[in-house]
Amino acid sequence: MPGLRRRSRTAINFSENQLVAAIDAGLTALELRLDAERVELLARYLVLLAKWNRVYNLSGIRDAHAMIAPHLLDSLSVQDYMK
């Protein structure tokens, strides 16, 4: 359709790279360790959550970066107690 633009894959990857860095920083602050593959999967999850949040209002938080602390790091902070 004319007038509609698809987001380039590089724009998505750039955003995921920023999310990976922010997730890594949060994990470091909590003194938690996850391998790089799991951090990348979490970043992809946040991208999908932000995408579908626009359609179905899954969360009151609209920005993927703002979702890191309340949706990921809060949940991950109890991982040592779950073992």
C-alpha atoms as a PDB file:
ATOM      1  CA  MET A   1       0.000   0.000   0.000  1.00  0.00           C
ATOM      2  CA  PRO A   2       1.318   3.425  -0.803  1.00  0.00           C
ATOM      3  CA  GLY A   3       2.196   5.528   2.186  1.00  0.00           C
ATOM      4  CA  LEU A   4       2.955   2.589   4.477  1.00  0.00           C
ATOM      5  CA  ARG A   5       6.576   2.042   5.380  1.00  0.00           C
ATOM      6  CA  ARG A   6       8.001  -1.091   6.858  1.00  0.00           C
ATOM      7  CA  ARG A   7      10.535  -0.736   9.625  1.00  0.00           C
ATOM      8  CA  SER A   8      13.903  -1.885   8.484  1.00  0.00           C
ATOM      9  CA  ARG A   9      15.429  -4.904  10.174  1.00  0.00           C
ATOM     10  CA  THR A  10      18.475  -2.817  11.125  1.00  0.00           C
ATOM     11  CA  ALA A  11      16.279  -0.410  13.099  1.00  0.00           C
ATOM     12  CA  ILE A  12      14.916  -3.343  15.085  1.00  0.00           C
ATOM     13  CA  ASN A  13      18.403  -4.780  15.660  1.00  0.00           C
ATOM     14  CA  PHE A  14      19.690  -1.407  16.829  1.00  0.00           C
ATOM     15  CA  SER A  15      16.883  -1.187  19.358  1.00  0.00           C
ATOM     16  CA  GLU A  16      17.565  -4.754  20.502  1.00  0.00           C
ATOM     17  CA  ASN A  17      21.247  -3.914  20.944  1.00  0.00           C
ATOM     18  CA  GLN A  18      20.316  -0.970  23.145  1.00  0.00           C
ATOM     19  CA  LEU A  19      17.978  -3.177  25.153  1.00  0.00           C
ATOM     20  CA  VAL A  20      20.702  -5.803  25.580  1.00  0.00           C
ATOM     21  CA  ALA A  21      23.060  -3.160  26.959  1.00  0.00           C
ATOM     22  CA  ALA A  22      20.393  -1.820  29.332  1.00  0.00           C
ATOM     23  CA  ILE A  23      19.459  -5.320  30.530  1.00  0.00           C
ATOM     24  CA  ASP A  24      23.143  -6.126  31.092  1.00  0.00           C
ATOM     25  CA  ALA A  25      23.529  -2.935  33.136  1.00  0.00           C
ATOM     26  CA  GLY A  26      20.494  -3.834  35.246  1.00  0.00           C
ATOM     27  CA  LEU A  27      21.759  -7.368  35.814  1.00  0.00           C
ATOM     28  CA  THR A  28      25.139  -6.006  36.874  1.00  0.00           C
ATOM     29  CA  ALA A  29      23.471  -3.643  39.331  1.00  0.00           C
ATOM     30  CA  LEU A  30      21.573  -6.591  40.829  1.00  0.00           C
ATOM     31  CA  GLU A  31      24.736  -8.722  40.787  1.00  0.00           C
ATOM     32  CA  LEU A  32      23.011 -11.286  38.569  1.00  0.00           C
ATOM     33  CA  ARG A  33      24.533 -13.185  35.671  1.00  0.00           C
ATOM     34  CA  LEU A  34      22.862 -14.469  32.530  1.00  0.00           C
ATOM     35  CA  ASP A  35      24.596 -15.685  29.409  1.00  0.00           C
ATOM     36  CA  ALA A  36      24.526 -13.477  26.326  1.00  0.00           C
ATOM     37  CA  GLU A  37      22.005 -15.664  24.535  1.00  0.00           C
ATOM     38  CA  ARG A  38      19.448 -15.357  27.331  1.00  0.00           C
ATOM     39  CA  VAL A  39      19.914 -11.589  27.544  1.00  0.00           C
ATOM     40  CA  GLU A  40      19.349 -11.335  23.791  1.00  0.00           C
ATOM     41  CA  LEU A  41      16.191 -13.443  24.104  1.00  0.00           C
ATOM     42  CA  LEU A  42      14.917 -11.146  26.854  1.00  0.00           C
ATOM     43  CA  ALA A  43      15.564  -8.131  24.630  1.00  0.00           C
ATOM     44  CA  ARG A  44      13.626  -9.770  21.800  1.00  0.00           C
ATOM     45  CA  TYR A  45      10.813 -10.529  24.248  1.00  0.00           C
ATOM     46  CA  LEU A  46      10.633  -6.856  25.232  1.00  0.00           C
ATOM     47  CA  VAL A  47      10.512  -5.793  21.581  1.00  0.00           C
ATOM     48  CA  LEU A  48       7.591  -8.170  21.023  1.00  0.00           C
ATOM     49  CA  LEU A  49       5.895  -7.069  24.239  1.00  0.00           C
ATOM     50  CA  ALA A  50       6.150  -3.416  23.192  1.00  0.00           C
ATOM     51  CA  LYS A  51       4.874  -4.257  19.699  1.00  0.00           C
ATOM     52  CA  TRP A  52       1.817  -6.191  20.869  1.00  0.00           C
ATOM     53  CA  ASN A  53       1.211  -3.775  23.714  1.00  0.00           C
ATOM     54  CA  ARG A  54       0.286  -1.163  21.127  1.00  0.00           C
ATOM     55  CA  VAL A  55      -2.454  -3.486  19.840  1.00  0.00           C
ATOM     56  CA  TYR A  56      -3.762  -5.220  22.966  1.00  0.00           C
ATOM     57  CA  ASN A  57      -2.734  -2.911  25.850  1.00  0.00           C
ATOM     58  CA  LEU A  58      -0.822  -5.635  27.700  1.00  0.00           C
ATOM     59  CA  SER A  59       0.970  -3.169  29.966  1.00  0.00           C
ATOM     60  CA  GLY A  60       0.564   0.446  30.967  1.00  0.00           C
ATOM     61  CA  ILE A  61       4.220   0.959  30.102  1.00  0.00           C
ATOM     62  CA  ARG A  62       4.617   1.828  26.432  1.00  0.00           C
ATOM     63  CA  ASP A  63       8.375   1.957  25.908  1.00  0.00           C
ATOM     64  CA  ALA A  64      10.454  -1.246  25.789  1.00  0.00           C
ATOM     65  CA  HIS A  65      13.316   0.430  27.687  1.00  0.00           C
ATOM     66  CA  ALA A  66      10.944   1.473  30.458  1.00  0.00           C
ATOM     67  CA  MET A  67       9.747  -2.149  30.725  1.00  0.00           C
ATOM     68  CA  ILE A  68      13.173  -3.459  31.737  1.00  0.00           C
ATOM     69  CA  ALA A  69      13.022  -2.750  35.469  1.00  0.00           C
ATOM     70  CA  PRO A  70       9.393  -3.545  36.280  1.00  0.00           C
ATOM     71  CA  HIS A  71       8.878  -6.443  33.886  1.00  0.00           C
ATOM     72  CA  LEU A  72      12.287  -8.141  33.722  1.00  0.00           C
ATOM     73  CA  LEU A  73      14.623  -7.140  36.512  1.00  0.00           C
ATOM     74  CA  ASP A  74      11.979  -7.382  39.241  1.00  0.00           C
ATOM     75  CA  SER A  75      11.219 -10.933  38.146  1.00  0.00           C
ATOM     76  CA  LEU A  76      14.872 -11.888  37.774  1.00  0.00           C
ATOM     77  CA  SER A  77      15.813 -10.474  41.175  1.00  0.00           C
ATOM     78  CA  VAL A  78      14.316 -13.511  42.934  1.00  0.00           C
ATOM     79  CA  GLN A  79      16.080 -16.143  40.841  1.00  0.00           C
ATOM     80  CA  ASP A  80      18.572 -17.020  43.601  1.00  0.00           C
ATOM     81  CA  TYR A  81      15.686 -17.804  45.951  1.00  0.00           C
ATOM     82  CA  MET A  82      13.963 -20.019  43.384  1.00  0.00           C
ATOM     83  CA  LYS A  83      16.769 -22.590  43.166  1.00  0.00           C
END
